[in-house]
Amino acid sequence: MRRWICVPMMTLCLLLTACGGNRETAADARLPYQNMAGCVMEAEISCDQDGALWEAALRCDYVPEGETTVEVLSPETIAGVKAVLSNGEVALEYEDQCLNAGTVSSQNISPMACLPQLMSALRDGWLLEENQEDWQETPCIRLTVDQTGAQDGKILSTLWLRQEDGIPLRGEIAVDGEIILTADFTSFSFYDTMENQE
C-alpha cells in the first residue's frame, strides 16, 4: 500500500521542482522598467495606414511621468521631426513649427508614440501572457500586457525581452485584435545603468 502512495507523491514533488527552475519571471523582467529614471532607445517602426505601409527609424528619450521626446532619424524626407509627449498630449515639432500628431487607431495611438506606449505598457500594463520564446534565434521572455485606451478600448502590447539582460528586441501594439504598430529595437540603454544593447 505504501508503494502506491509514495510513487505518486514522489512524482508530484519532481514535477513541482521542475516548475520552479531558474526561469526569470515577468515580475523580474519588468522591475528595471518600473524603477528606471528613464531610457534612450532607437527602433525601426512600421504600421499600415489605410493600406499603405509607413516605416521610420525613431530615437526616443523616454521619461516616465515626464516629458518624452521622439525624433525621426529616417527616412531623410522627415528626419529631424520631433514629437514631444507630455501629460497624454502629443505634439510634432519641426524647426519653429508645432503640430498635432496623427493617430492610426480608434484608441488614438500615434506611430510617434509607439516606443513610449511600449515602455508604459511594460511599466503599468496588466499581464496577460508570459512565456519563453526566441526572437530571431535569441532566447527571450515574451510578455503581453493589456492597457485600457483613451476610448475605453483594449490595447495589447507584446514585447520580446532578451533573457540575458531584459533588453527589448521587438514590440507589437494591437488594437481590437489587429497589430497596428511594430518596433524592432536597434539600441537601448537605461539612464542609470547605461548598459547598451548589442
Protein backbone atom coordinates (compact mmCIF):
# COMPACT_ATOMS: atom_id res chain seq x y z
CA MET A 1 0.00 0.00 0.00
CA ARG A 2 2.83 2.40 0.82
CA ARG A 3 4.38 1.96 -2.61
CA TRP A 4 1.24 3.20 -4.33
CA ILE A 5 1.13 6.28 -2.10
CA CYS A 6 4.87 7.04 -2.29
CA VAL A 7 5.29 6.84 -6.05
CA PRO A 8 2.60 9.43 -6.90
CA MET A 9 3.89 11.75 -4.14
CA MET A 10 7.49 11.49 -5.40
CA THR A 11 6.32 12.17 -8.96
CA LEU A 12 4.40 15.24 -7.76
CA CYS A 13 7.47 16.54 -5.92
CA LEU A 14 9.63 16.13 -9.03
CA LEU A 15 7.08 17.96 -11.16
CA LEU A 16 6.89 20.84 -8.70
CA THR A 17 10.68 21.09 -8.59
CA ALA A 18 10.83 21.20 -12.39
CA CYS A 19 8.30 24.04 -12.46
CA GLY A 20 10.41 26.22 -10.21
CA GLY A 21 13.65 26.19 -12.20
CA ASN A 22 15.82 29.27 -12.66
CA ARG A 23 13.45 30.90 -15.13
CA GLU A 24 13.15 34.66 -14.82
CA THR A 25 9.57 35.71 -14.15
CA ALA A 26 7.62 38.55 -15.76
CA ALA A 27 7.84 40.47 -12.48
CA ASP A 28 11.65 40.18 -12.51
CA ALA A 29 11.83 41.26 -16.15
CA ARG A 30 9.57 44.28 -15.60
CA LEU A 31 11.21 45.53 -12.38
CA PRO A 32 14.04 47.54 -14.04
CA TYR A 33 11.44 49.32 -16.20
CA GLN A 34 9.22 50.10 -13.24
CA ASN A 35 12.18 51.53 -11.28
CA MET A 36 14.00 53.37 -14.08
CA ALA A 37 14.54 57.12 -14.16
CA GLY A 38 14.30 56.90 -17.95
CA CYS A 39 15.83 55.32 -21.03
CA VAL A 40 17.09 56.08 -24.52
CA MET A 41 16.20 53.76 -27.39
CA GLU A 42 16.18 53.51 -31.16
CA ALA A 43 13.94 51.28 -33.25
CA GLU A 44 12.57 50.64 -36.71
CA ILE A 45 8.83 51.37 -36.52
CA SER A 46 6.26 50.23 -39.06
CA CYS A 47 2.49 50.49 -39.38
CA ASP A 48 -0.18 50.02 -42.00
CA GLN A 49 -2.16 53.23 -42.59
CA ASP A 50 -5.13 52.77 -44.92
CA GLY A 51 -3.32 50.02 -46.82
CA ALA A 52 -0.06 51.95 -47.14
CA LEU A 53 3.00 50.79 -45.19
CA TRP A 54 4.65 53.52 -43.11
CA GLU A 55 8.19 52.91 -41.87
CA ALA A 56 10.62 55.08 -39.96
CA ALA A 57 13.64 54.85 -37.67
CA LEU A 58 12.92 56.64 -34.39
CA ARG A 59 15.01 57.69 -31.41
CA CYS A 60 13.16 58.05 -28.12
CA ASP A 61 14.27 59.74 -24.91
CA TYR A 62 11.68 58.29 -22.51
CA VAL A 63 10.98 59.81 -19.09
CA PRO A 64 8.23 58.16 -17.03
CA GLU A 65 5.59 60.70 -15.98
CA GLY A 66 7.70 63.46 -17.55
CA GLU A 67 8.38 64.95 -20.97
CA THR A 68 9.33 62.32 -23.54
CA THR A 69 10.90 63.21 -26.88
CA VAL A 70 10.76 61.09 -30.05
CA GLU A 71 12.83 62.08 -33.09
CA VAL A 72 12.65 60.73 -36.65
CA LEU A 73 16.06 59.51 -37.84
CA SER A 74 14.88 58.26 -41.24
CA PRO A 75 13.53 58.47 -43.90
CA GLU A 76 15.51 61.52 -44.88
CA THR A 77 12.41 63.40 -46.07
CA ILE A 78 11.11 63.69 -42.49
CA ALA A 79 14.35 63.28 -40.50
CA GLY A 80 14.57 65.78 -37.67
CA VAL A 81 10.82 65.90 -36.97
CA LYS A 82 10.28 65.52 -33.23
CA ALA A 83 7.28 64.58 -31.14
CA VAL A 84 7.03 65.79 -27.57
CA LEU A 85 4.76 63.72 -25.33
CA SER A 86 3.64 65.23 -22.06
CA ASN A 87 0.52 64.66 -19.93
CA GLY A 88 -1.06 62.41 -22.57
CA GLU A 89 -0.69 65.02 -25.33
CA VAL A 90 1.41 64.50 -28.46
CA ALA A 91 2.74 67.44 -30.49
CA LEU A 92 5.01 67.34 -33.54
CA GLU A 93 7.84 69.85 -33.76
CA TYR A 94 9.98 70.80 -36.74
CA GLU A 95 12.22 73.84 -36.50
CA ASP A 96 9.82 76.53 -35.19
CA GLN A 97 6.60 74.71 -36.05
CA CYS A 98 4.44 72.65 -33.69
CA LEU A 99 1.60 70.42 -34.96
CA ASN A 100 -0.68 67.78 -33.51
CA ALA A 101 0.43 64.20 -34.28
CA GLY A 102 -1.86 61.89 -36.23
CA THR A 103 -3.21 58.57 -34.97
CA VAL A 104 -3.74 55.15 -36.58
CA SER A 105 -6.48 53.57 -34.48
CA SER A 106 -9.70 54.19 -32.59
CA GLN A 107 -7.58 54.40 -29.43
CA ASN A 108 -5.67 57.49 -30.63
CA ILE A 109 -2.24 55.83 -30.86
CA SER A 110 0.25 57.71 -33.00
CA PRO A 111 3.22 55.96 -34.68
CA MET A 112 5.41 58.57 -32.98
CA ALA A 113 4.08 57.35 -29.62
CA CYS A 114 4.84 53.67 -30.29
CA LEU A 115 8.03 53.44 -28.18
CA PRO A 116 6.64 55.41 -25.19
CA GLN A 117 3.48 53.27 -25.36
CA LEU A 118 5.54 50.07 -25.18
CA MET A 119 7.51 51.38 -22.19
CA SER A 120 4.32 52.46 -20.44
CA ALA A 121 2.83 49.01 -21.05
CA LEU A 122 5.92 47.31 -19.59
CA ARG A 123 5.71 49.50 -16.51
CA ASP A 124 1.97 49.57 -15.81
CA GLY A 125 0.08 47.15 -18.06
CA TRP A 126 -1.94 44.19 -16.80
CA LEU A 127 -0.01 40.99 -17.56
CA LEU A 128 -1.96 38.59 -19.80
CA GLU A 129 0.72 36.25 -21.12
CA GLU A 130 4.25 35.25 -20.17
CA ASN A 131 6.39 32.64 -21.88
CA GLN A 132 9.83 31.90 -23.26
CA GLU A 133 10.14 32.41 -26.99
CA ASP A 134 13.05 33.06 -29.32
CA TRP A 135 13.12 36.21 -31.42
CA GLN A 136 15.43 35.76 -34.41
CA GLU A 137 17.21 32.88 -32.63
CA THR A 138 17.74 34.89 -29.42
CA PRO A 139 16.16 33.45 -26.24
CA CYS A 140 13.59 35.92 -24.93
CA ILE A 141 10.88 36.38 -22.35
CA ARG A 142 7.70 37.23 -24.28
CA LEU A 143 5.18 39.36 -22.38
CA THR A 144 1.73 40.51 -23.47
CA VAL A 145 0.15 43.24 -21.35
CA ASP A 146 -3.24 44.93 -21.50
CA GLN A 147 -3.98 48.62 -21.09
CA THR A 148 -7.26 50.48 -21.39
CA GLY A 149 -7.12 53.07 -24.14
CA ALA A 150 -8.36 56.65 -24.20
CA GLN A 151 -11.67 55.47 -25.71
CA ASP A 152 -12.04 52.59 -23.19
CA GLY A 153 -10.83 50.03 -25.74
CA LYS A 154 -8.20 47.36 -25.15
CA ILE A 155 -4.62 47.99 -26.20
CA LEU A 156 -2.42 44.89 -26.14
CA SER A 157 1.34 45.37 -26.17
CA THR A 158 3.65 42.40 -26.71
CA LEU A 159 7.38 42.64 -26.04
CA TRP A 160 10.25 40.22 -26.51
CA LEU A 161 12.86 40.90 -23.79
CA ARG A 162 16.25 39.24 -24.20
CA GLN A 163 16.64 36.63 -21.43
CA GLU A 164 20.28 37.52 -20.93
CA ASP A 165 19.68 41.09 -19.77
CA GLY A 166 15.99 42.01 -20.20
CA ILE A 167 16.67 44.41 -23.10
CA PRO A 168 13.76 44.75 -25.58
CA LEU A 169 14.32 43.32 -29.06
CA ARG A 170 10.81 43.50 -30.52
CA GLY A 171 7.49 45.14 -29.69
CA GLU A 172 3.98 44.99 -31.15
CA ILE A 173 0.88 47.04 -30.35
CA ALA A 174 -2.55 45.62 -31.18
CA VAL A 175 -5.96 47.29 -31.01
CA ASP A 176 -9.18 45.29 -31.41
CA GLY A 177 -7.14 42.18 -32.19
CA GLU A 178 -5.21 43.81 -35.06
CA ILE A 179 -1.48 44.62 -34.87
CA ILE A 180 -1.21 48.28 -35.81
CA LEU A 181 2.41 49.07 -34.88
CA THR A 182 5.64 47.07 -34.71
CA ALA A 183 9.04 48.06 -33.34
CA ASP A 184 12.37 46.35 -33.96
CA PHE A 185 14.82 47.77 -31.42
CA THR A 186 18.32 48.63 -32.64
CA SER A 187 19.67 50.16 -29.40
CA PHE A 188 18.56 50.58 -25.79
CA SER A 189 20.06 51.94 -22.57
CA PHE A 190 18.72 52.91 -19.14
CA TYR A 191 19.62 56.36 -17.80
CA ASP A 192 21.03 54.99 -14.56
CA THR A 193 22.94 51.96 -15.88
CA MET A 194 23.68 52.98 -19.49
CA GLU A 195 24.03 49.32 -20.44
CA ASN A 196 23.74 49.34 -24.22
CA GLN A 197 22.02 46.71 -26.31
CA GLU A 198 24.44 44.99 -28.71
